[in-house]
């Protein structure tokens, strides 16, 4: 199950360098996680300052 980023995202980009498979990219109004690439490791969850990332 992939993680997803909610509307609480402030587009700070802290999660991007933490993703070991480069599944996170900048979207139109917030960052997004590609569910086909995400390995559900949770590294991004730990660094999100707004707790906008959670498991689907």
N, C-alpha and C. Protein backbone atom coordinates (compact mmCIF):
# COMPACT_ATOMS: atom_id res chain seq x y z
N UNK A 1 0.85 -1.18 0.00
CA UNK A 1 0.00 0.00 0.00
C UNK A 1 0.89 1.24 0.00
N UNK A 2 0.70 2.11 -0.93
CA UNK A 2 1.50 3.32 -1.07
C UNK A 2 1.06 4.39 -0.07
N UNK A 3 1.93 5.33 0.17
CA UNK A 3 1.59 6.48 1.00
C UNK A 3 0.98 7.56 0.11
N UNK A 4 0.29 8.51 0.74
CA UNK A 4 -0.27 9.61 -0.02
C UNK A 4 -0.06 10.90 0.75
N UNK A 5 -0.10 12.01 0.03
CA UNK A 5 0.11 13.33 0.62
C UNK A 5 -1.21 14.08 0.61
N UNK A 6 -1.60 14.58 1.77
CA UNK A 6 -2.88 15.27 1.91
C UNK A 6 -2.76 16.76 1.57
N UNK A 7 -3.88 17.45 1.65
CA UNK A 7 -3.91 18.88 1.38
C UNK A 7 -3.17 19.70 2.43
N UNK A 8 -2.72 19.07 3.50
CA UNK A 8 -1.94 19.75 4.54
C UNK A 8 -0.52 20.05 4.05
N UNK A 9 -0.13 19.49 2.92
CA UNK A 9 1.20 19.69 2.35
C UNK A 9 1.45 21.17 2.08
N UNK A 10 2.62 21.67 2.54
CA UNK A 10 2.99 23.07 2.32
C UNK A 10 4.07 23.19 1.23
N UNK A 11 4.31 22.11 0.50
CA UNK A 11 5.29 22.08 -0.60
C UNK A 11 6.69 22.50 -0.16
N UNK A 12 7.10 22.05 1.02
CA UNK A 12 8.44 22.40 1.52
C UNK A 12 9.53 21.55 0.87
N UNK A 13 9.17 20.35 0.40
CA UNK A 13 10.12 19.49 -0.28
C UNK A 13 10.99 18.64 0.63
N UNK A 14 10.74 18.66 1.93
CA UNK A 14 11.55 17.89 2.87
C UNK A 14 11.50 16.39 2.59
N UNK A 15 10.40 15.92 2.05
CA UNK A 15 10.21 14.49 1.81
C UNK A 15 10.98 13.96 0.60
N UNK A 16 11.23 14.82 -0.36
CA UNK A 16 11.83 14.37 -1.63
C UNK A 16 13.17 13.67 -1.46
N UNK A 17 14.14 14.26 -0.76
CA UNK A 17 15.44 13.57 -0.65
C UNK A 17 15.39 12.32 0.22
N UNK A 18 14.35 12.13 1.01
CA UNK A 18 14.23 10.96 1.87
C UNK A 18 13.73 9.72 1.14
N UNK A 19 13.10 9.90 -0.01
CA UNK A 19 12.53 8.77 -0.74
C UNK A 19 13.62 8.00 -1.48
N UNK A 20 13.83 6.73 -1.09
CA UNK A 20 14.89 5.95 -1.73
C UNK A 20 14.59 5.51 -3.16
N UNK A 21 13.33 5.60 -3.59
CA UNK A 21 12.96 5.17 -4.93
C UNK A 21 12.47 6.32 -5.81
N UNK A 22 12.63 7.55 -5.33
CA UNK A 22 12.25 8.75 -6.08
C UNK A 22 10.79 8.73 -6.53
N UNK A 23 9.90 8.34 -5.62
CA UNK A 23 8.47 8.26 -5.93
C UNK A 23 7.75 9.59 -5.71
N UNK A 24 8.43 10.57 -5.09
CA UNK A 24 7.79 11.84 -4.76
C UNK A 24 8.21 12.91 -5.76
N UNK A 25 7.21 13.64 -6.26
CA UNK A 25 7.50 14.72 -7.20
C UNK A 25 6.60 15.91 -6.90
N UNK A 26 6.98 17.06 -7.44
CA UNK A 26 6.20 18.26 -7.21
C UNK A 26 4.96 18.26 -8.10
N UNK A 27 3.81 18.48 -7.49
CA UNK A 27 2.56 18.55 -8.23
C UNK A 27 2.16 20.00 -8.44
N UNK A 28 0.94 20.23 -8.87
CA UNK A 28 0.47 21.58 -9.13
C UNK A 28 0.36 22.42 -7.86
N UNK A 29 -0.24 21.86 -6.82
CA UNK A 29 -0.44 22.62 -5.59
C UNK A 29 0.15 21.96 -4.36
N UNK A 30 0.68 20.75 -4.51
CA UNK A 30 1.33 20.02 -3.42
C UNK A 30 2.18 18.92 -4.04
N UNK A 31 3.03 18.31 -3.23
CA UNK A 31 3.82 17.19 -3.72
C UNK A 31 2.92 15.97 -3.86
N UNK A 32 3.36 15.01 -4.68
CA UNK A 32 2.56 13.81 -4.89
C UNK A 32 3.48 12.59 -4.86
N UNK A 33 2.89 11.45 -4.52
CA UNK A 33 3.63 10.20 -4.47
C UNK A 33 3.07 9.26 -5.53
N UNK A 34 3.94 8.75 -6.36
CA UNK A 34 3.53 7.80 -7.40
C UNK A 34 3.29 6.44 -6.73
N UNK A 35 2.04 5.98 -6.67
CA UNK A 35 1.75 4.72 -5.98
C UNK A 35 2.36 3.49 -6.64
N UNK A 36 2.70 3.59 -7.91
CA UNK A 36 3.31 2.46 -8.61
C UNK A 36 4.79 2.31 -8.29
N UNK A 37 5.40 3.38 -7.76
CA UNK A 37 6.82 3.38 -7.44
C UNK A 37 7.06 3.27 -5.93
N UNK A 38 6.17 3.83 -5.14
CA UNK A 38 6.31 3.84 -3.68
C UNK A 38 6.44 2.43 -3.12
N UNK A 39 7.44 2.24 -2.25
CA UNK A 39 7.66 0.93 -1.63
C UNK A 39 7.12 0.88 -0.20
N UNK A 40 6.43 1.91 0.22
CA UNK A 40 5.81 1.95 1.54
C UNK A 40 6.83 1.89 2.68
N UNK A 41 7.99 2.51 2.49
CA UNK A 41 9.03 2.44 3.52
C UNK A 41 8.76 3.40 4.67
N UNK A 42 8.03 4.49 4.41
CA UNK A 42 7.68 5.43 5.47
C UNK A 42 8.72 6.48 5.79
N UNK A 43 9.81 6.53 5.06
CA UNK A 43 10.87 7.51 5.34
C UNK A 43 10.35 8.94 5.21
N UNK A 44 9.45 9.17 4.29
CA UNK A 44 8.91 10.51 4.07
C UNK A 44 8.03 10.98 5.23
N UNK A 45 7.35 10.04 5.86
CA UNK A 45 6.44 10.36 6.97
C UNK A 45 7.21 11.00 8.12
N UNK A 46 8.39 10.49 8.39
CA UNK A 46 9.20 10.95 9.52
C UNK A 46 9.65 12.39 9.39
N UNK A 47 9.83 12.89 8.17
CA UNK A 47 10.38 14.24 7.99
C UNK A 47 9.34 15.30 7.66
N UNK A 48 8.11 14.91 7.45
CA UNK A 48 7.06 15.88 7.07
C UNK A 48 6.71 16.77 8.26
N UNK A 49 6.93 18.10 8.14
CA UNK A 49 6.65 18.99 9.27
C UNK A 49 5.16 19.21 9.55
N UNK A 50 4.30 18.90 8.58
CA UNK A 50 2.86 19.12 8.77
C UNK A 50 2.09 17.81 8.92
N UNK A 51 2.81 16.70 8.97
CA UNK A 51 2.19 15.37 9.08
C UNK A 51 1.16 15.15 7.96
N UNK A 52 1.52 15.59 6.76
CA UNK A 52 0.62 15.49 5.60
C UNK A 52 0.74 14.15 4.87
N UNK A 53 1.67 13.31 5.27
CA UNK A 53 1.89 12.03 4.57
C UNK A 53 1.41 10.89 5.44
N UNK A 54 0.60 10.01 4.84
CA UNK A 54 0.09 8.85 5.57
C UNK A 54 -0.09 7.69 4.61
N UNK A 55 -0.25 6.51 5.19
CA UNK A 55 -0.52 5.33 4.38
C UNK A 55 -1.94 5.41 3.85
N UNK A 56 -2.14 4.96 2.63
CA UNK A 56 -3.49 4.99 2.04
C UNK A 56 -4.37 3.98 2.71
